[in-house]
C-alpha atoms as a PDB file:
ATOM      1  CA  UNK A   1       0.000   0.000   0.000  1.00  0.00           C
ATOM      2  CA  UNK A   2       1.302   3.442  -0.903  1.00  0.00           C
ATOM      3  CA  UNK A   3       1.981   5.550   2.175  1.00  0.00           C
ATOM      4  CA  UNK A   4      -0.353   8.532   2.445  1.00  0.00           C
ATOM      5  CA  UNK A   5      -0.055  11.592   4.605  1.00  0.00           C
ATOM      6  CA  UNK A   6      -3.300  12.582   6.281  1.00  0.00           C
ATOM      7  CA  UNK A   7      -3.368  15.720   8.376  1.00  0.00           C
ATOM      8  CA  UNK A   8      -6.880  15.549   9.872  1.00  0.00           C
ATOM      9  CA  UNK A   9      -8.227  12.411  11.487  1.00  0.00           C
ATOM     10  CA  UNK A  10     -11.751  12.016  12.875  1.00  0.00           C
ATOM     11  CA  UNK A  11     -12.252   9.191  15.353  1.00  0.00           C
ATOM     12  CA  UNK A  12     -15.809   8.066  16.150  1.00  0.00           C
ATOM     13  CA  UNK A  13     -15.999   5.442  18.891  1.00  0.00           C
ATOM     14  CA  UNK A  14     -18.262   5.131  21.923  1.00  0.00           C
ATOM     15  CA  UNK A  15     -15.526   3.449  23.985  1.00  0.00           C
ATOM     16  CA  UNK A  16     -13.196   5.964  25.642  1.00  0.00           C
ATOM     17  CA  UNK A  17     -10.371   3.408  26.165  1.00  0.00           C
ATOM     18  CA  UNK A  18     -10.331   2.741  22.442  1.00  0.00           C
ATOM     19  CA  UNK A  19     -10.307   6.463  21.595  1.00  0.00           C
ATOM     20  CA  UNK A  20      -7.405   6.856  24.061  1.00  0.00           C
ATOM     21  CA  UNK A  21      -5.539   3.988  22.375  1.00  0.00           C
ATOM     22  CA  UNK A  22      -5.913   5.578  18.930  1.00  0.00           C
ATOM     23  CA  UNK A  23      -4.903   9.009  20.218  1.00  0.00           C
ATOM     24  CA  UNK A  24      -1.800   7.562  21.908  1.00  0.00           C
ATOM     25  CA  UNK A  25      -0.945   5.590  18.755  1.00  0.00           C
ATOM     26  CA  UNK A  26      -1.054   8.817  16.721  1.00  0.00           C
ATOM     27  CA  UNK A  27       1.088  10.751  19.202  1.00  0.00           C
ATOM     28  CA  UNK A  28       4.104  12.271  17.494  1.00  0.00           C
ATOM     29  CA  UNK A  29       2.445  12.144  14.074  1.00  0.00           C
ATOM     30  CA  UNK A  30       1.717  15.338  12.162  1.00  0.00           C
ATOM     31  CA  UNK A  31      -2.049  15.081  12.549  1.00  0.00           C
ATOM     32  CA  UNK A  32      -4.933  16.892  14.148  1.00  0.00           C
ATOM     33  CA  UNK A  33      -7.421  14.528  15.783  1.00  0.00           C
ATOM     34  CA  UNK A  34     -11.081  15.184  16.541  1.00  0.00           C
ATOM     35  CA  UNK A  35     -13.092  12.679  18.539  1.00  0.00           C
ATOM     36  CA  UNK A  36     -16.768  11.860  18.800  1.00  0.00           C
ATOM     37  CA  UNK A  37     -18.201   9.363  21.280  1.00  0.00           C
ATOM     38  CA  UNK A  38     -21.278   8.739  19.111  1.00  0.00           C
ATOM     39  CA  UNK A  39     -22.822   9.583  15.767  1.00  0.00           C
ATOM     40  CA  UNK A  40     -24.403  12.728  17.215  1.00  0.00           C
ATOM     41  CA  UNK A  41     -22.951  15.775  15.525  1.00  0.00           C
ATOM     42  CA  UNK A  42     -21.124  13.609  12.978  1.00  0.00           C
ATOM     43  CA  UNK A  43     -22.265  15.491   9.880  1.00  0.00           C
ATOM     44  CA  UNK A  44     -21.601  18.890  11.417  1.00  0.00           C
ATOM     45  CA  UNK A  45     -18.058  17.879  12.397  1.00  0.00           C
ATOM     46  CA  UNK A  46     -17.429  16.450   8.917  1.00  0.00           C
ATOM     47  CA  UNK A  47     -18.464  19.744   7.310  1.00  0.00           C
ATOM     48  CA  UNK A  48     -16.553  21.941   9.780  1.00  0.00           C
ATOM     49  CA  UNK A  49     -13.407  19.833  10.315  1.00  0.00           C
ATOM     50  CA  UNK A  50     -13.178  18.329   6.789  1.00  0.00           C
ATOM     51  CA  UNK A  51     -11.133  15.259   7.830  1.00  0.00           C
ATOM     52  CA  UNK A  52      -8.861  13.341   5.468  1.00  0.00           C
ATOM     53  CA  UNK A  53      -9.226  10.041   7.325  1.00  0.00           C
ATOM     54  CA  UNK A  54     -12.039   8.631   9.468  1.00  0.00           C
ATOM     55  CA  UNK A  55     -11.737   5.815  11.990  1.00  0.00           C
ATOM     56  CA  UNK A  56     -15.265   4.682  12.863  1.00  0.00           C
ATOM     57  CA  UNK A  57     -16.411   2.023  15.313  1.00  0.00           C
ATOM     58  CA  UNK A  58     -18.890  -0.391  13.749  1.00  0.00           C
ATOM     59  CA  UNK A  59     -21.079  -0.949  16.816  1.00  0.00           C
ATOM     60  CA  UNK A  60     -22.359   2.144  18.602  1.00  0.00           C
ATOM     61  CA  UNK A  61     -25.626   2.663  20.439  1.00  0.00           C
ATOM     62  CA  UNK A  62     -27.262   5.485  18.467  1.00  0.00           C
ATOM     63  CA  UNK A  63     -26.038   4.960  14.885  1.00  0.00           C
ATOM     64  CA  UNK A  64     -23.741   2.175  13.831  1.00  0.00           C
ATOM     65  CA  UNK A  65     -20.617   2.825  11.813  1.00  0.00           C
ATOM     66  CA  UNK A  66     -22.035   1.345   8.612  1.00  0.00           C
ATOM     67  CA  UNK A  67     -24.982   3.766   8.693  1.00  0.00           C
ATOM     68  CA  UNK A  68     -22.636   6.719   9.254  1.00  0.00           C
ATOM     69  CA  UNK A  69     -20.467   5.541   6.350  1.00  0.00           C
ATOM     70  CA  UNK A  70     -23.450   5.174   4.017  1.00  0.00           C
ATOM     71  CA  UNK A  71     -24.655   8.674   4.888  1.00  0.00           C
ATOM     72  CA  UNK A  72     -21.155  10.095   4.488  1.00  0.00           C
ATOM     73  CA  UNK A  73     -20.529   8.526   1.088  1.00  0.00           C
ATOM     74  CA  UNK A  74     -23.729  10.148  -0.225  1.00  0.00           C
ATOM     75  CA  UNK A  75     -22.117  13.584  -0.093  1.00  0.00           C
ATOM     76  CA  UNK A  76     -18.374  13.127   0.489  1.00  0.00           C
ATOM     77  CA  UNK A  77     -16.644  10.431  -1.502  1.00  0.00           C
ATOM     78  CA  UNK A  78     -13.097  11.765  -1.127  1.00  0.00           C
ATOM     79  CA  UNK A  79     -12.605  10.971   2.554  1.00  0.00           C
ATOM     80  CA  UNK A  80     -10.980   7.640   3.385  1.00  0.00           C
ATOM     81  CA  UNK A  81     -12.745   5.524   6.005  1.00  0.00           C
ATOM     82  CA  UNK A  82     -11.477   2.691   8.162  1.00  0.00           C
ATOM     83  CA  UNK A  83     -14.144   0.834  10.080  1.00  0.00           C
ATOM     84  CA  UNK A  84     -13.220  -0.819  13.386  1.00  0.00           C
ATOM     85  CA  UNK A  85     -15.261  -3.893  14.249  1.00  0.00           C
ATOM     86  CA  UNK A  86     -15.258  -6.528  16.965  1.00  0.00           C
ATOM     87  CA  UNK A  87     -17.628  -8.572  14.782  1.00  0.00           C
ATOM     88  CA  UNK A  88     -15.907  -8.538  11.386  1.00  0.00           C
ATOM     89  CA  UNK A  89     -17.488 -11.027   9.002  1.00  0.00           C
ATOM     90  CA  UNK A  90     -18.070 -11.578   5.282  1.00  0.00           C
ATOM     91  CA  UNK A  91     -21.462  -9.813   5.312  1.00  0.00           C
ATOM     92  CA  UNK A  92     -19.951  -6.681   6.883  1.00  0.00           C
ATOM     93  CA  UNK A  93     -17.045  -6.705   4.433  1.00  0.00           C
ATOM     94  CA  UNK A  94     -19.420  -7.061   1.468  1.00  0.00           C
ATOM     95  CA  UNK A  95     -21.500  -4.109   2.697  1.00  0.00           C
ATOM     96  CA  UNK A  96     -18.362  -2.010   3.116  1.00  0.00           C
ATOM     97  CA  UNK A  97     -17.091  -2.871  -0.352  1.00  0.00           C
ATOM     98  CA  UNK A  98     -20.425  -1.816  -1.863  1.00  0.00           C
ATOM     99  CA  UNK A  99     -20.134   1.676  -0.402  1.00  0.00           C
ATOM    100  CA  UNK A 100     -16.390   2.067  -0.988  1.00  0.00           C
ATOM    101  CA  UNK A 101     -14.962   1.843   2.522  1.00  0.00           C
ATOM    102  CA  UNK A 102     -11.167   1.789   2.487  1.00  0.00           C
ATOM    103  CA  UNK A 103     -10.582  -0.904   5.110  1.00  0.00           C
ATOM    104  CA  UNK A 104     -12.028  -2.763   8.108  1.00  0.00           C
ATOM    105  CA  UNK A 105      -9.865  -3.644  11.096  1.00  0.00           C
ATOM    106  CA  UNK A 106     -10.801  -6.178  13.750  1.00  0.00           C
ATOM    107  CA  UNK A 107     -11.029  -5.189  17.404  1.00  0.00           C
ATOM    108  CA  UNK A 108      -9.507  -5.682  19.863  1.00  0.00           C
ATOM    109  CA  UNK A 109      -6.296  -4.402  18.374  1.00  0.00           C
ATOM    110  CA  UNK A 110      -3.009  -4.157  20.201  1.00  0.00           C
ATOM    111  CA  UNK A 111      -1.228  -0.804  20.464  1.00  0.00           C
ATOM    112  CA  UNK A 112       1.693  -2.125  18.385  1.00  0.00           C
ATOM    113  CA  UNK A 113      -0.614  -3.435  15.647  1.00  0.00           C
ATOM    114  CA  UNK A 114      -2.571  -0.182  15.617  1.00  0.00           C
ATOM    115  CA  UNK A 115       0.624   1.900  15.288  1.00  0.00           C
ATOM    116  CA  UNK A 116       1.820  -0.338  12.465  1.00  0.00           C
ATOM    117  CA  UNK A 117      -1.482  -0.161  10.571  1.00  0.00           C
ATOM    118  CA  UNK A 118      -1.804   3.605  11.067  1.00  0.00           C
ATOM    119  CA  UNK A 119       1.750   4.114   9.793  1.00  0.00           C
ATOM    120  CA  UNK A 120       0.429   3.214   6.332  1.00  0.00           C
ATOM    121  CA  UNK A 121      -1.975   6.155   6.557  1.00  0.00           C
ATOM    122  CA  UNK A 122      -0.181   8.873   8.503  1.00  0.00           C
ATOM    123  CA  UNK A 123       3.425   9.859   9.036  1.00  0.00           C
END
């Protein structure tokens, strides 16, 4: 995979420990991170912050990650999305491929694995 340099990362995850893990894994990188703990305010933050890369949890209480991705792709196809799922399966992957999601990573993910995977996206 060609290394890309993303400056703005939006993280949407209802689990604070996971948001902390991602933030720590991006420490020292040349990025600005915004965090949401749910899908509330998602579209407003997208419009205002204009992220280059989104990391979205698949399972959240109000709106799941797939729904957010479908809504996002209706009006912003340039942003790259990585979905994080503790229940990754063929049906989820097929749905993601249909709407053009960049990647889906399984949770839980170790800090070392997360740093390694993110290094392909940010520097």
